[in-house]
Protein backbone atom coordinates (compact mmCIF):
# COMPACT_ATOMS: atom_id res chain seq x y z
CA MET A 1 16.84 -91.22 -89.43
CA GLU A 2 16.75 -94.64 -91.01
CA VAL A 3 14.16 -95.50 -93.74
CA PRO A 4 13.59 -98.94 -94.73
CA PHE A 5 12.99 -99.70 -98.26
CA HIS A 6 10.64 -102.47 -98.03
CA LYS A 7 9.74 -104.61 -94.93
CA PRO A 8 8.10 -107.96 -96.41
CA TYR A 9 4.56 -109.59 -95.17
CA ILE A 10 5.64 -113.09 -94.34
CA THR A 11 3.95 -115.66 -92.10
CA GLU A 12 4.27 -118.94 -91.05
CA ASP A 13 2.31 -120.24 -93.96
CA GLU A 14 5.39 -119.00 -96.38
CA ILE A 15 8.08 -120.28 -93.66
CA ALA A 16 6.54 -123.46 -93.74
CA GLU A 17 6.20 -123.86 -97.49
CA VAL A 18 9.99 -122.68 -98.04
CA LEU A 19 10.98 -125.16 -95.43
CA ASP A 20 8.62 -127.91 -97.16
CA SER A 21 10.49 -127.17 -100.45
CA LEU A 22 14.04 -127.32 -98.71
CA ARG A 23 13.38 -130.43 -97.15
CA SER A 24 12.02 -132.05 -100.43
CA GLY A 25 15.31 -131.60 -102.13
CA TRP A 26 13.44 -130.00 -104.96
CA LEU A 27 15.06 -126.45 -105.17
CA THR A 28 14.21 -126.11 -109.09
CA MET A 29 11.56 -126.94 -111.50
CA GLY A 30 10.06 -129.53 -108.96
CA PRO A 31 6.24 -130.51 -108.10
CA LYS A 32 5.20 -127.20 -106.58
CA THR A 33 6.31 -125.37 -109.94
CA VAL A 34 4.27 -127.43 -111.89
CA ARG A 35 1.23 -127.02 -109.59
CA PHE A 36 2.14 -123.27 -109.55
CA GLU A 37 1.95 -123.21 -113.64
CA GLU A 38 -1.34 -125.37 -113.38
CA LYS A 39 -3.14 -123.44 -110.72
CA PHE A 40 -1.97 -119.87 -112.82
CA ARG A 41 -2.90 -121.38 -116.49
CA ASP A 42 -6.69 -122.21 -114.96
CA TYR A 43 -6.69 -118.59 -113.10
CA ILE A 44 -5.99 -116.91 -116.17
CA GLY A 45 -7.94 -119.40 -118.57
CA ALA A 46 -5.10 -120.17 -120.97
CA GLU A 47 -4.10 -123.37 -122.69
CA ASP A 48 -0.41 -123.37 -121.27
CA ALA A 49 1.63 -121.34 -118.74
CA VAL A 50 5.42 -121.19 -118.11
CA SER A 51 7.31 -119.73 -115.06
CA MET A 52 10.42 -118.40 -115.39
CA ASN A 53 13.23 -117.69 -112.87
CA SER A 54 13.35 -113.99 -113.38
CA CYS A 55 11.30 -111.10 -115.17
CA THR A 56 14.37 -111.09 -117.61
CA ALA A 57 13.66 -114.40 -119.08
CA GLY A 58 9.97 -113.86 -119.00
CA LEU A 59 10.58 -110.72 -121.06
CA HIS A 60 12.82 -112.67 -123.30
CA LEU A 61 10.28 -115.09 -123.89
CA ALA A 62 7.65 -112.77 -124.40
CA LEU A 63 9.22 -111.20 -127.11
CA ILE A 64 10.24 -114.13 -128.86
CA ALA A 65 6.58 -115.18 -128.87
CA ALA A 66 5.37 -111.63 -130.10
CA GLY A 67 7.80 -112.36 -133.19
CA ILE A 68 10.54 -109.59 -132.09
CA LYS A 69 13.42 -110.38 -134.41
CA GLU A 70 16.87 -109.08 -135.60
CA GLY A 71 16.05 -105.25 -137.15
CA ASP A 72 12.56 -104.74 -135.57
CA GLU A 73 12.46 -101.85 -133.51
CA VAL A 74 10.84 -101.73 -129.90
CA ILE A 75 9.17 -98.66 -127.99
CA LEU A 76 10.34 -98.70 -124.04
CA PRO A 77 9.55 -96.35 -121.10
CA ALA A 78 12.24 -94.16 -120.46
CA VAL A 79 12.00 -95.07 -116.72
CA THR A 80 12.48 -99.00 -116.44
CA PHE A 81 15.07 -101.59 -115.48
CA THR A 82 18.27 -102.12 -118.13
CA ALA A 83 16.91 -105.59 -118.66
CA THR A 84 13.83 -104.52 -120.43
CA ALA A 85 16.11 -103.01 -123.10
CA GLU A 86 18.77 -105.58 -122.78
CA VAL A 87 16.11 -108.56 -123.97
CA VAL A 88 15.67 -106.31 -126.81
CA THR A 89 18.95 -106.62 -127.67
CA TYR A 90 19.47 -110.35 -126.93
CA LEU A 91 17.21 -110.49 -130.28
CA ARG A 92 19.48 -108.10 -132.39
CA ALA A 93 16.41 -105.59 -132.28
CA ARG A 94 16.74 -101.82 -131.57
CA PHE A 95 14.91 -99.97 -128.60
CA TRP A 96 13.54 -96.96 -128.25
CA SER A 97 13.21 -94.70 -125.09
CA THR A 98 10.16 -92.76 -124.56
CA SER A 99 8.41 -90.87 -121.82
CA THR A 100 5.79 -92.76 -120.38
CA GLY A 101 3.29 -89.82 -120.18
CA ARG A 102 -0.12 -90.24 -121.79
CA PRO A 103 0.49 -91.88 -125.53
CA SER A 104 -0.12 -89.20 -128.12
CA ILE A 105 -0.36 -88.77 -131.71
CA SER A 106 2.34 -86.46 -131.57
CA MET A 107 4.61 -89.21 -129.63
CA ARG A 108 3.69 -91.72 -132.39
CA LEU A 109 4.67 -89.03 -135.17
CA ARG A 110 7.94 -88.07 -133.44
CA TRP A 111 9.41 -91.62 -133.09
CA LYS A 112 8.32 -92.41 -136.69
CA GLU A 113 10.05 -89.80 -137.75
CA ARG A 114 13.25 -90.44 -135.51
CA SER A 115 12.86 -94.24 -136.74
CA GLN A 116 13.37 -93.25 -140.31
CA LYS A 117 15.91 -90.65 -139.80
CA GLU A 118 18.00 -93.73 -138.22
CA ARG A 119 17.10 -96.13 -140.91
CA ARG A 120 18.57 -93.72 -143.55
CA ARG A 121 21.99 -93.59 -141.90
């Protein structure tokens, strides 16, 4: 039995947009990217919006915007992609994996105790 991982839903409109992009010569950061950023910015009501080439790049930029720096600690879900932790290490910060169940005071206390023990080493 063959079980498909994912079958994308692609219409002729998406195919036409791809062909238009290929024919335009703009495969990166062209007018469609600028238009997307403007429409997204307006949709969410932000002053600015910047698109990235990957979620990894977006996470990296988000951590910088959040002020994460060397020596900081970041809590991550235990079930995630490796890039989630990788971007934390780009900034020479440390990450802690935790279960993604409902947050509770005991989870925060256990993380705090573990963090303090690690700092003493």
